[in-house]
Amino acid sequence: MKAEEIRANLNRRVLYRSVRTGVNAEYLLTGAIFRRGENGFYYQAELTDPKTNKSILICSLNDIEVIQ
């Protein structure tokens, strides 16, 4: 997902795919975090589990894609 797509997809279902952990699941995009690191600024996504509405996951925007 690109940073420009965050606002249009808030509170919508997205697909989270992590190659590192092997997770491939649907979540709700509930927020975005703008951070400053050693290499400049970057975004992170805040995802919530739609089944429980309690589990929150923070990940890179590169790990999620919009479900059409």
PDB file of N, CA and C in Angstrom:
ATOM      1  N   MET A   1       0.851  -1.174   0.000  1.00  0.00           N
ATOM      2  CA  MET A   1       0.000   0.000   0.000  1.00  0.00           C
ATOM      3  C   MET A   1       0.893   1.232   0.000  1.00  0.00           C
ATOM      4  N   LYS A   2       0.439   2.247  -0.678  1.00  0.00           N
ATOM      5  CA  LYS A   2       1.156   3.515  -0.713  1.00  0.00           C
ATOM      6  C   LYS A   2       0.573   4.461   0.328  1.00  0.00           C
ATOM      7  N   ALA A   3       1.366   5.436   0.752  1.00  0.00           N
ATOM      8  CA  ALA A   3       0.925   6.393   1.769  1.00  0.00           C
ATOM      9  C   ALA A   3      -0.309   7.171   1.317  1.00  0.00           C
ATOM     10  N   GLU A   4      -0.445   7.396   0.017  1.00  0.00           N
ATOM     11  CA  GLU A   4      -1.591   8.142  -0.512  1.00  0.00           C
ATOM     12  C   GLU A   4      -2.899   7.367  -0.371  1.00  0.00           C
ATOM     13  N   GLU A   5      -2.828   6.067  -0.193  1.00  0.00           N
ATOM     14  CA  GLU A   5      -4.021   5.225  -0.107  1.00  0.00           C
ATOM     15  C   GLU A   5      -4.542   5.050   1.324  1.00  0.00           C
ATOM     16  N   ILE A   6      -3.831   5.553   2.298  1.00  0.00           N
ATOM     17  CA  ILE A   6      -4.203   5.343   3.702  1.00  0.00           C
ATOM     18  C   ILE A   6      -5.576   5.934   4.002  1.00  0.00           C
ATOM     19  N   ARG A   7      -5.769   7.185   3.714  1.00  0.00           N
ATOM     20  CA  ARG A   7      -7.019   7.874   4.068  1.00  0.00           C
ATOM     21  C   ARG A   7      -8.235   7.213   3.426  1.00  0.00           C
ATOM     22  N   ALA A   8      -8.121   6.804   2.178  1.00  0.00           N
ATOM     23  CA  ALA A   8      -9.251   6.199   1.465  1.00  0.00           C
ATOM     24  C   ALA A   8      -9.596   4.817   2.007  1.00  0.00           C
ATOM     25  N   ASN A   9      -8.661   4.164   2.675  1.00  0.00           N
ATOM     26  CA  ASN A   9      -8.878   2.792   3.126  1.00  0.00           C
ATOM     27  C   ASN A   9      -8.977   2.626   4.634  1.00  0.00           C
ATOM     28  N   LEU A  10      -9.069   3.721   5.381  1.00  0.00           N
ATOM     29  CA  LEU A  10      -9.238   3.615   6.829  1.00  0.00           C
ATOM     30  C   LEU A  10     -10.543   2.901   7.158  1.00  0.00           C
ATOM     31  N   ASN A  11     -10.499   2.021   8.143  1.00  0.00           N
ATOM     32  CA  ASN A  11     -11.629   1.212   8.591  1.00  0.00           C
ATOM     33  C   ASN A  11     -12.173   0.292   7.506  1.00  0.00           C
ATOM     34  N   ARG A  12     -11.317  -0.103   6.593  1.00  0.00           N
ATOM     35  CA  ARG A  12     -11.666  -1.082   5.567  1.00  0.00           C
ATOM     36  C   ARG A  12     -10.759  -2.290   5.702  1.00  0.00           C
ATOM     37  N   ARG A  13     -11.209  -3.386   5.131  1.00  0.00           N
ATOM     38  CA  ARG A  13     -10.419  -4.623   5.201  1.00  0.00           C
ATOM     39  C   ARG A  13      -9.220  -4.553   4.261  1.00  0.00           C
ATOM     40  N   VAL A  14      -8.081  -5.016   4.773  1.00  0.00           N
ATOM     41  CA  VAL A  14      -6.860  -5.116   3.986  1.00  0.00           C
ATOM     42  C   VAL A  14      -6.275  -6.509   4.188  1.00  0.00           C
ATOM     43  N   LEU A  15      -5.430  -6.904   3.283  1.00  0.00           N
ATOM     44  CA  LEU A  15      -4.773  -8.197   3.376  1.00  0.00           C
ATOM     45  C   LEU A  15      -3.353  -7.989   3.868  1.00  0.00           C
ATOM     46  N   TYR A  16      -3.024  -8.610   4.990  1.00  0.00           N
ATOM     47  CA  TYR A  16      -1.681  -8.528   5.566  1.00  0.00           C
ATOM     48  C   TYR A  16      -0.918  -9.786   5.177  1.00  0.00           C
ATOM     49  N   ARG A  17       0.211  -9.603   4.524  1.00  0.00           N
ATOM     50  CA  ARG A  17       1.057 -10.722   4.120  1.00  0.00           C
ATOM     51  C   ARG A  17       2.467 -10.472   4.629  1.00  0.00           C
ATOM     52  N   SER A  18       2.932 -11.377   5.474  1.00  0.00           N
ATOM     53  CA  SER A  18       4.281 -11.272   6.006  1.00  0.00           C
ATOM     54  C   SER A  18       5.096 -12.473   5.554  1.00  0.00           C
ATOM     55  N   VAL A  19       6.120 -12.207   4.776  1.00  0.00           N
ATOM     56  CA  VAL A  19       6.995 -13.280   4.312  1.00  0.00           C
ATOM     57  C   VAL A  19       7.795 -13.836   5.484  1.00  0.00           C
ATOM     58  N   ARG A  20       8.184 -12.966   6.397  1.00  0.00           N
ATOM     59  CA  ARG A  20       9.014 -13.362   7.532  1.00  0.00           C
ATOM     60  C   ARG A  20       8.300 -14.334   8.466  1.00  0.00           C
ATOM     61  N   THR A  21       7.021 -14.080   8.765  1.00  0.00           N
ATOM     62  CA  THR A  21       6.289 -14.925   9.707  1.00  0.00           C
ATOM     63  C   THR A  21       5.328 -15.891   9.019  1.00  0.00           C
ATOM     64  N   GLY A  22       5.062 -15.683   7.736  1.00  0.00           N
ATOM     65  CA  GLY A  22       4.155 -16.562   7.007  1.00  0.00           C
ATOM     66  C   GLY A  22       2.684 -16.272   7.230  1.00  0.00           C
ATOM     67  N   VAL A  23       2.363 -15.137   7.822  1.00  0.00           N
ATOM     68  CA  VAL A  23       0.968 -14.772   8.078  1.00  0.00           C
ATOM     69  C   VAL A  23       0.355 -14.225   6.787  1.00  0.00           C
ATOM     70  N   ASN A  24      -0.857 -14.654   6.505  1.00  0.00           N
ATOM     71  CA  ASN A  24      -1.609 -14.194   5.349  1.00  0.00           C
ATOM     72  C   ASN A  24      -3.066 -14.085   5.789  1.00  0.00           C
ATOM     73  N   ALA A  25      -3.490 -12.897   6.267  1.00  0.00           N
ATOM     74  CA  ALA A  25      -4.809 -12.768   6.871  1.00  0.00           C
ATOM     75  C   ALA A  25      -5.407 -11.392   6.602  1.00  0.00           C
ATOM     76  N   GLU A  26      -6.732 -11.314   6.774  1.00  0.00           N
ATOM     77  CA  GLU A  26      -7.448 -10.049   6.628  1.00  0.00           C
ATOM     78  C   GLU A  26      -7.486  -9.314   7.963  1.00  0.00           C
ATOM     79  N   TYR A  27      -7.301  -8.001   7.905  1.00  0.00           N
ATOM     80  CA  TYR A  27      -7.375  -7.127   9.068  1.00  0.00           C
ATOM     81  C   TYR A  27      -8.108  -5.854   8.674  1.00  0.00           C
ATOM     82  N   LEU A  28      -8.468  -5.048   9.658  1.00  0.00           N
ATOM     83  CA  LEU A  28      -9.014  -3.715   9.415  1.00  0.00           C
ATOM     84  C   LEU A  28      -7.887  -2.703   9.559  1.00  0.00           C
ATOM     85  N   LEU A  29      -7.771  -1.797   8.603  1.00  0.00           N
ATOM     86  CA  LEU A  29      -6.797  -0.715   8.696  1.00  0.00           C
ATOM     87  C   LEU A  29      -7.406   0.361   9.586  1.00  0.00           C
ATOM     88  N   THR A  30      -6.935   0.466  10.807  1.00  0.00           N
ATOM     89  CA  THR A  30      -7.534   1.390  11.772  1.00  0.00           C
ATOM     90  C   THR A  30      -6.711   2.645  12.015  1.00  0.00           C
ATOM     91  N   GLY A  31      -5.525   2.699  11.452  1.00  0.00           N
ATOM     92  CA  GLY A  31      -4.725   3.899  11.639  1.00  0.00           C
ATOM     93  C   GLY A  31      -3.393   3.800  10.941  1.00  0.00           C
ATOM     94  N   ALA A  32      -2.688   4.919  10.929  1.00  0.00           N
ATOM     95  CA  ALA A  32      -1.349   4.972  10.368  1.00  0.00           C
ATOM     96  C   ALA A  32      -0.480   5.815  11.282  1.00  0.00           C
ATOM     97  N   ILE A  33       0.769   5.455  11.364  1.00  0.00           N
ATOM     98  CA  ILE A  33       1.720   6.133  12.228  1.00  0.00           C
ATOM     99  C   ILE A  33       2.831   6.695  11.351  1.00  0.00           C
ATOM    100  N   PHE A  34       3.149   7.955  11.525  1.00  0.00           N
ATOM    101  CA  PHE A  34       4.207   8.625  10.777  1.00  0.00           C
ATOM    102  C   PHE A  34       5.403   8.720  11.705  1.00  0.00           C
ATOM    103  N   ARG A  35       6.515   8.107  11.340  1.00  0.00           N
ATOM    104  CA  ARG A  35       7.683   8.050  12.216  1.00  0.00           C
ATOM    105  C   ARG A  35       8.922   8.609  11.532  1.00  0.00           C
ATOM    106  N   ARG A  36       9.890   8.959  12.354  1.00  0.00           N
ATOM    107  CA  ARG A  36      11.176   9.424  11.859  1.00  0.00           C
ATOM    108  C   ARG A  36      12.241   8.449  12.311  1.00  0.00           C
ATOM    109  N   GLY A  37      13.024   7.945  11.385  1.00  0.00           N
ATOM    110  CA  GLY A  37      14.085   6.999  11.695  1.00  0.00           C
ATOM    111  C   GLY A  37      15.425   7.520  11.213  1.00  0.00           C
ATOM    112  N   GLU A  38      16.403   6.653  11.250  1.00  0.00           N
ATOM    113  CA  GLU A  38      17.753   7.039  10.838  1.00  0.00           C
ATOM    114  C   GLU A  38      17.827   7.390   9.349  1.00  0.00           C
ATOM    115  N   ASN A  39      16.969   6.763   8.538  1.00  0.00           N
ATOM    116  CA  ASN A  39      16.984   6.985   7.094  1.00  0.00           C
ATOM    117  C   ASN A  39      15.894   7.934   6.629  1.00  0.00           C
ATOM    118  N   GLY A  40      15.291   8.680   7.532  1.00  0.00           N
ATOM    119  CA  GLY A  40      14.240   9.623   7.173  1.00  0.00           C
ATOM    120  C   GLY A  40      12.886   9.221   7.741  1.00  0.00           C
ATOM    121  N   PHE A  41      11.832   9.752   7.133  1.00  0.00           N
ATOM    122  CA  PHE A  41      10.476   9.513   7.603  1.00  0.00           C
ATOM    123  C   PHE A  41       9.869   8.293   6.922  1.00  0.00           C
ATOM    124  N   TYR A  42       8.959   7.616   7.632  1.00  0.00           N
ATOM    125  CA  TYR A  42       8.268   6.463   7.067  1.00  0.00           C
ATOM    126  C   TYR A  42       6.941   6.264   7.782  1.00  0.00           C
ATOM    127  N   TYR A  43       6.047   5.504   7.151  1.00  0.00           N
ATOM    128  CA  TYR A  43       4.737   5.190   7.711  1.00  0.00           C
ATOM    129  C   TYR A  43       4.703   3.750   8.204  1.00  0.00           C
ATOM    130  N   GLN A  44       3.883   3.528   9.213  1.00  0.00           N
ATOM    131  CA  GLN A  44       3.540   2.188   9.660  1.00  0.00           C
ATOM    132  C   GLN A  44       2.022   2.116   9.749  1.00  0.00           C
ATOM    133  N   ALA A  45       1.484   0.922   9.507  1.00  0.00           N
ATOM    134  CA  ALA A  45       0.039   0.723   9.550  1.00  0.00           C
ATOM    135  C   ALA A  45      -0.365   0.109  10.881  1.00  0.00           C
ATOM    136  N   GLU A  46      -1.528   0.527  11.382  1.00  0.00           N
ATOM    137  CA  GLU A  46      -2.117  -0.071  12.576  1.00  0.00           C
ATOM    138  C   GLU A  46      -3.295  -0.917  12.108  1.00  0.00           C
ATOM    139  N   LEU A  47      -3.201  -2.226  12.330  1.00  0.00           N
ATOM    140  CA  LEU A  47      -4.230  -3.158  11.890  1.00  0.00           C
ATOM    141  C   LEU A  47      -4.911  -3.775  13.097  1.00  0.00           C
ATOM    142  N   THR A  48      -6.229  -3.977  12.999  1.00  0.00           N
ATOM    143  CA  THR A  48      -7.006  -4.588  14.067  1.00  0.00           C
ATOM    144  C   THR A  48      -7.654  -5.855  13.544  1.00  0.00           C
ATOM    145  N   ASP A  49      -7.656  -6.888  14.367  1.00  0.00           N
ATOM    146  CA  ASP A  49      -8.283  -8.158  14.009  1.00  0.00           C
ATOM    147  C   ASP A  49      -9.798  -7.961  13.957  1.00  0.00           C
ATOM    148  N   PRO A  50     -10.451  -8.194  12.819  1.00  0.00           N
ATOM    149  CA  PRO A  50     -11.897  -7.944  12.715  1.00  0.00           C
ATOM    150  C   PRO A  50     -12.742  -8.922  13.523  1.00  0.00           C
ATOM    151  N   LYS A  51     -12.190 -10.051  13.899  1.00  0.00           N
ATOM    152  CA  LYS A  51     -12.959 -11.048  14.646  1.00  0.00           C
ATOM    153  C   LYS A  51     -13.076 -10.687  16.124  1.00  0.00           C
ATOM    154  N   THR A  52     -12.009 -10.139  16.696  1.00  0.00           N
ATOM    155  CA  THR A  52     -12.022  -9.840  18.123  1.00  0.00           C
ATOM    156  C   THR A  52     -12.066  -8.350  18.430  1.00  0.00           C
ATOM    157  N   ASN A  53     -11.640  -7.510  17.489  1.00  0.00           N
ATOM    158  CA  ASN A  53     -11.519  -6.059  17.683  1.00  0.00           C
ATOM    159  C   ASN A  53     -10.619  -5.706  18.854  1.00  0.00           C
ATOM    160  N   LYS A  54      -9.778  -6.624  19.286  1.00  0.00           N
ATOM    161  CA  LYS A  54      -8.877  -6.357  20.403  1.00  0.00           C
ATOM    162  C   LYS A  54      -7.413  -6.472  20.005  1.00  0.00           C
ATOM    163  N   SER A  55      -7.117  -7.358  19.094  1.00  0.00           N
ATOM    164  CA  SER A  55      -5.743  -7.606  18.692  1.00  0.00           C
ATOM    165  C   SER A  55      -5.287  -6.529  17.728  1.00  0.00           C
ATOM    166  N   ILE A  56      -4.168  -5.875  18.035  1.00  0.00           N
ATOM    167  CA  ILE A  56      -3.645  -4.812  17.189  1.00  0.00           C
ATOM    168  C   ILE A  56      -2.263  -5.219  16.692  1.00  0.00           C
ATOM    169  N   LEU A  57      -2.012  -4.938  15.426  1.00  0.00           N
ATOM    170  CA  LEU A  57      -0.758  -5.274  14.778  1.00  0.00           C
ATOM    171  C   LEU A  57      -0.195  -4.010  14.142  1.00  0.00           C
ATOM    172  N   ILE A  58       1.078  -3.737  14.362  1.00  0.00           N
ATOM    173  CA  ILE A  58       1.757  -2.612  13.728  1.00  0.00           C
ATOM    174  C   ILE A  58       2.705  -3.202  12.692  1.00  0.00           C
ATOM    175  N   CYS A  59       2.596  -2.730  11.440  1.00  0.00           N
ATOM    176  CA  CYS A  59       3.430  -3.299  10.379  1.00  0.00           C
ATOM    177  C   CYS A  59       3.776  -2.229   9.346  1.00  0.00           C
ATOM    178  N   SER A  60       4.610  -2.605   8.420  1.00  0.00           N
ATOM    179  CA  SER A  60       5.003  -1.737   7.313  1.00  0.00           C
ATOM    180  C   SER A  60       3.861  -1.652   6.306  1.00  0.00           C
ATOM    181  N   LEU A  61       3.766  -0.522   5.624  1.00  0.00           N
ATOM    182  CA  LEU A  61       2.767  -0.383   4.558  1.00  0.00           C
ATOM    183  C   LEU A  61       3.049  -1.350   3.415  1.00  0.00           C
ATOM    184  N   ASN A  62       4.296  -1.768   3.266  1.00  0.00           N
ATOM    185  CA  ASN A  62       4.655  -2.707   2.206  1.00  0.00           C
ATOM    186  C   ASN A  62       4.055  -4.082   2.424  1.00  0.00           C
ATOM    187  N   ASP A  63       3.657  -4.400   3.661  1.00  0.00           N
ATOM    188  CA  ASP A  63       3.123  -5.724   3.993  1.00  0.00           C
ATOM    189  C   ASP A  63       1.621  -5.841   3.801  1.00  0.00           C
ATOM    190  N   ILE A  64       0.937  -4.751   3.443  1.00  0.00           N
ATOM    191  CA  ILE A  64      -0.518  -4.821   3.298  1.00  0.00           C
ATOM    192  C   ILE A  64      -0.945  -4.381   1.899  1.00  0.00           C
ATOM    193  N   GLU A  65      -2.099  -4.906   1.480  1.00  0.00           N
ATOM    194  CA  GLU A  65      -2.688  -4.508   0.215  1.00  0.00           C
ATOM    195  C   GLU A  65      -4.195  -4.402   0.368  1.00  0.00           C
ATOM    196  N   VAL A  66      -4.784  -3.553  -0.457  1.00  0.00           N
ATOM    197  CA  VAL A  66      -6.225  -3.291  -0.390  1.00  0.00           C
ATOM    198  C   VAL A  66      -6.992  -4.479  -0.964  1.00  0.00           C
ATOM    199  N   ILE A  67      -8.075  -4.852  -0.306  1.00  0.00           N
ATOM    200  CA  ILE A  67      -8.972  -5.878  -0.822  1.00  0.00           C
ATOM    201  C   ILE A  67     -10.077  -5.178  -1.602  1.00  0.00           C
ATOM    202  N   GLN A  68     -10.236  -5.536  -2.830  1.00  0.00           N
ATOM    203  CA  GLN A  68     -11.244  -4.887  -3.696  1.00  0.00           C
ATOM    204  C   GLN A  68     -12.611  -5.476  -3.475  1.00  0.00           C
TER     205      GLN A  68
END
